[in-house]
Amino acid sequence: MSISILHRADREKDTLRNIKETKGFTVNIVSEAWIEHANVASVNAPADCSEWVITGLTKVESVCSI
């Protein structure tokens, strides 16, 4: 698996900052019916703005399979 995070000159992306702080991340596999909803989460939102609100998706706890 690989993960790619866009480099920004002015500040770290929230995704990168969260991975560094928590030492972990969740991989979501989205079915085709939800692709457009999931794509909304890629907007350039401020750090204090949760993209969950605008996606129409439901947030649930992750499950560790290791």
N, C-alpha and C. Protein backbone atom coordinates (compact mmCIF):
# COMPACT_ATOMS: atom_id res chain seq x y z
N MET A 1 0.84 -1.15 0.00
CA MET A 1 0.00 0.00 0.00
C MET A 1 0.89 1.22 0.00
N SER A 2 0.43 2.25 -0.66
CA SER A 2 1.13 3.54 -0.57
C SER A 2 0.10 4.62 -0.29
N ILE A 3 0.58 5.70 0.26
CA ILE A 3 -0.29 6.83 0.54
C ILE A 3 0.42 8.07 -0.01
N SER A 4 -0.34 8.93 -0.63
CA SER A 4 0.22 10.13 -1.22
C SER A 4 -0.52 11.34 -0.66
N ILE A 5 0.23 12.32 -0.20
CA ILE A 5 -0.35 13.53 0.37
C ILE A 5 0.28 14.73 -0.34
N LEU A 6 -0.56 15.58 -0.88
CA LEU A 6 -0.10 16.76 -1.60
C LEU A 6 0.76 17.64 -0.71
N HIS A 7 1.91 18.07 -1.23
CA HIS A 7 2.79 18.97 -0.49
C HIS A 7 2.29 20.40 -0.65
N ARG A 8 2.18 21.10 0.45
CA ARG A 8 1.80 22.51 0.43
C ARG A 8 2.93 23.33 1.01
N ALA A 9 3.24 24.43 0.39
CA ALA A 9 4.34 25.28 0.86
C ALA A 9 3.99 26.05 2.12
N ASP A 10 2.70 26.39 2.30
CA ASP A 10 2.33 27.26 3.42
C ASP A 10 2.05 26.52 4.72
N ARG A 11 1.54 25.26 4.65
CA ARG A 11 1.29 24.48 5.87
C ARG A 11 1.08 23.03 5.49
N GLU A 12 1.25 22.14 6.48
CA GLU A 12 1.02 20.72 6.23
C GLU A 12 -0.46 20.47 6.03
N LYS A 13 -0.79 19.52 5.17
CA LYS A 13 -2.17 19.08 5.02
C LYS A 13 -2.60 18.45 6.34
N ASP A 14 -3.87 18.58 6.68
CA ASP A 14 -4.40 18.01 7.92
C ASP A 14 -4.16 16.50 7.98
N THR A 15 -4.27 15.83 6.84
CA THR A 15 -4.05 14.38 6.80
C THR A 15 -2.65 14.03 7.30
N LEU A 16 -1.65 14.72 6.79
CA LEU A 16 -0.26 14.45 7.20
C LEU A 16 -0.07 14.78 8.68
N ARG A 17 -0.60 15.92 9.11
CA ARG A 17 -0.46 16.31 10.51
C ARG A 17 -1.11 15.28 11.43
N ASN A 18 -2.30 14.80 11.05
CA ASN A 18 -3.00 13.81 11.87
C ASN A 18 -2.22 12.49 11.94
N ILE A 19 -1.64 12.06 10.84
CA ILE A 19 -0.85 10.82 10.83
C ILE A 19 0.36 10.97 11.73
N LYS A 20 1.04 12.10 11.65
CA LYS A 20 2.21 12.33 12.49
C LYS A 20 1.83 12.33 13.97
N GLU A 21 0.71 12.96 14.30
CA GLU A 21 0.28 13.07 15.70
C GLU A 21 -0.20 11.74 16.27
N THR A 22 -0.94 10.97 15.48
CA THR A 22 -1.56 9.74 16.00
C THR A 22 -0.77 8.48 15.68
N LYS A 23 0.18 8.58 14.77
CA LYS A 23 0.98 7.42 14.32
C LYS A 23 0.12 6.35 13.66
N GLY A 24 -1.00 6.75 13.08
CA GLY A 24 -1.86 5.79 12.41
C GLY A 24 -2.86 6.47 11.49
N PHE A 25 -3.51 5.67 10.66
CA PHE A 25 -4.56 6.18 9.79
C PHE A 25 -5.45 5.03 9.38
N THR A 26 -6.62 5.36 8.86
CA THR A 26 -7.58 4.37 8.44
C THR A 26 -7.69 4.38 6.93
N VAL A 27 -7.77 3.21 6.34
CA VAL A 27 -7.98 3.09 4.90
C VAL A 27 -9.46 2.76 4.67
N ASN A 28 -10.12 3.57 3.87
CA ASN A 28 -11.51 3.35 3.54
C ASN A 28 -11.62 2.93 2.08
N ILE A 29 -12.32 1.87 1.83
CA ILE A 29 -12.58 1.43 0.47
C ILE A 29 -14.03 1.79 0.16
N VAL A 30 -14.22 2.70 -0.77
CA VAL A 30 -15.53 3.27 -1.04
C VAL A 30 -16.15 2.56 -2.24
N SER A 31 -17.41 2.15 -2.08
CA SER A 31 -18.12 1.54 -3.21
C SER A 31 -18.49 2.63 -4.22
N GLU A 32 -18.71 2.22 -5.44
CA GLU A 32 -18.96 3.16 -6.53
C GLU A 32 -20.13 4.10 -6.24
N ALA A 33 -21.12 3.62 -5.56
CA ALA A 33 -22.29 4.44 -5.26
C ALA A 33 -21.96 5.65 -4.39
N TRP A 34 -20.85 5.60 -3.67
CA TRP A 34 -20.49 6.67 -2.73
C TRP A 34 -19.27 7.48 -3.17
N ILE A 35 -18.79 7.27 -4.38
CA ILE A 35 -17.57 7.94 -4.85
C ILE A 35 -17.70 9.46 -4.80
N GLU A 36 -18.78 10.00 -5.31
CA GLU A 36 -18.94 11.46 -5.33
C GLU A 36 -18.99 12.04 -3.92
N HIS A 37 -19.64 11.34 -3.00
CA HIS A 37 -19.70 11.79 -1.61
C HIS A 37 -18.30 11.81 -1.00
N ALA A 38 -17.54 10.74 -1.23
CA ALA A 38 -16.19 10.64 -0.67
C ALA A 38 -15.27 11.69 -1.28
N ASN A 39 -15.45 11.99 -2.55
CA ASN A 39 -14.61 12.97 -3.23
C ASN A 39 -14.77 14.37 -2.64
N VAL A 40 -15.93 14.66 -2.09
CA VAL A 40 -16.18 15.95 -1.46
C VAL A 40 -15.19 16.18 -0.31
N ALA A 41 -14.75 15.11 0.34
CA ALA A 41 -13.83 15.23 1.48
C ALA A 41 -12.45 15.72 1.07
N SER A 42 -12.17 15.80 -0.22
CA SER A 42 -10.85 16.25 -0.66
C SER A 42 -10.77 17.77 -0.83
N VAL A 43 -11.81 18.48 -0.45
CA VAL A 43 -11.77 19.94 -0.56
C VAL A 43 -10.69 20.52 0.35
N ASN A 44 -10.23 21.69 0.01
CA ASN A 44 -9.22 22.37 0.81
C ASN A 44 -9.91 23.14 1.93
N ALA A 45 -10.27 22.42 2.99
CA ALA A 45 -11.01 23.02 4.10
C ALA A 45 -10.05 23.44 5.22
N PRO A 46 -10.43 24.43 6.01
CA PRO A 46 -9.61 24.82 7.16
C PRO A 46 -9.50 23.65 8.16
N ALA A 47 -8.45 23.65 8.96
CA ALA A 47 -8.20 22.55 9.90
C ALA A 47 -9.34 22.36 10.89
N ASP A 48 -10.06 23.42 11.22
CA ASP A 48 -11.13 23.31 12.20
C ASP A 48 -12.49 22.97 11.57
N CYS A 49 -12.49 22.66 10.28
CA CYS A 49 -13.72 22.31 9.57
C CYS A 49 -13.72 20.82 9.25
N SER A 50 -14.72 20.11 9.73
CA SER A 50 -14.83 18.68 9.47
C SER A 50 -15.50 18.44 8.12
N GLU A 51 -14.82 17.75 7.23
CA GLU A 51 -15.39 17.45 5.93
C GLU A 51 -16.56 16.47 6.02
N TRP A 52 -16.66 15.74 7.14
CA TRP A 52 -17.77 14.80 7.31
C TRP A 52 -19.11 15.48 7.12
N VAL A 53 -19.23 16.69 7.60
CA VAL A 53 -20.50 17.41 7.55
C VAL A 53 -20.96 17.62 6.11
N ILE A 54 -20.04 17.89 5.19
CA ILE A 54 -20.42 18.19 3.82
C ILE A 54 -20.45 16.97 2.89
N THR A 55 -19.97 15.81 3.35
CA THR A 55 -19.93 14.64 2.47
C THR A 55 -21.25 13.90 2.36
N GLY A 56 -22.05 13.95 3.41
CA GLY A 56 -23.27 13.15 3.42
C GLY A 56 -23.01 11.72 3.86
N LEU A 57 -21.78 11.43 4.26
CA LEU A 57 -21.40 10.10 4.72
C LEU A 57 -21.52 10.02 6.24
N THR A 58 -21.52 8.81 6.77
CA THR A 58 -21.63 8.59 8.20
C THR A 58 -20.30 8.13 8.76
N LYS A 59 -19.82 8.81 9.77
CA LYS A 59 -18.56 8.48 10.42
C LYS A 59 -18.79 7.37 11.45
N VAL A 60 -17.95 6.33 11.40
CA VAL A 60 -17.99 5.25 12.39
C VAL A 60 -16.57 4.98 12.88
N GLU A 61 -16.47 4.32 14.02
CA GLU A 61 -15.16 3.97 14.57
C GLU A 61 -14.45 2.98 13.64
N SER A 62 -13.14 3.11 13.54
CA SER A 62 -12.37 2.17 12.72
C SER A 62 -12.17 0.86 13.47
N VAL A 63 -11.88 -0.19 12.71
CA VAL A 63 -11.64 -1.51 13.28
C VAL A 63 -10.23 -1.92 12.90
N CYS A 64 -9.44 -2.24 13.89
CA CYS A 64 -8.06 -2.67 13.66
C CYS A 64 -8.07 -4.15 13.30
N SER A 65 -7.47 -4.48 12.16
CA SER A 65 -7.46 -5.89 11.74
C SER A 65 -6.08 -6.53 11.87
N ILE A 66 -5.19 -5.90 12.61
CA ILE A 66 -3.85 -6.45 12.79
C ILE A 66 -3.80 -7.30 14.03
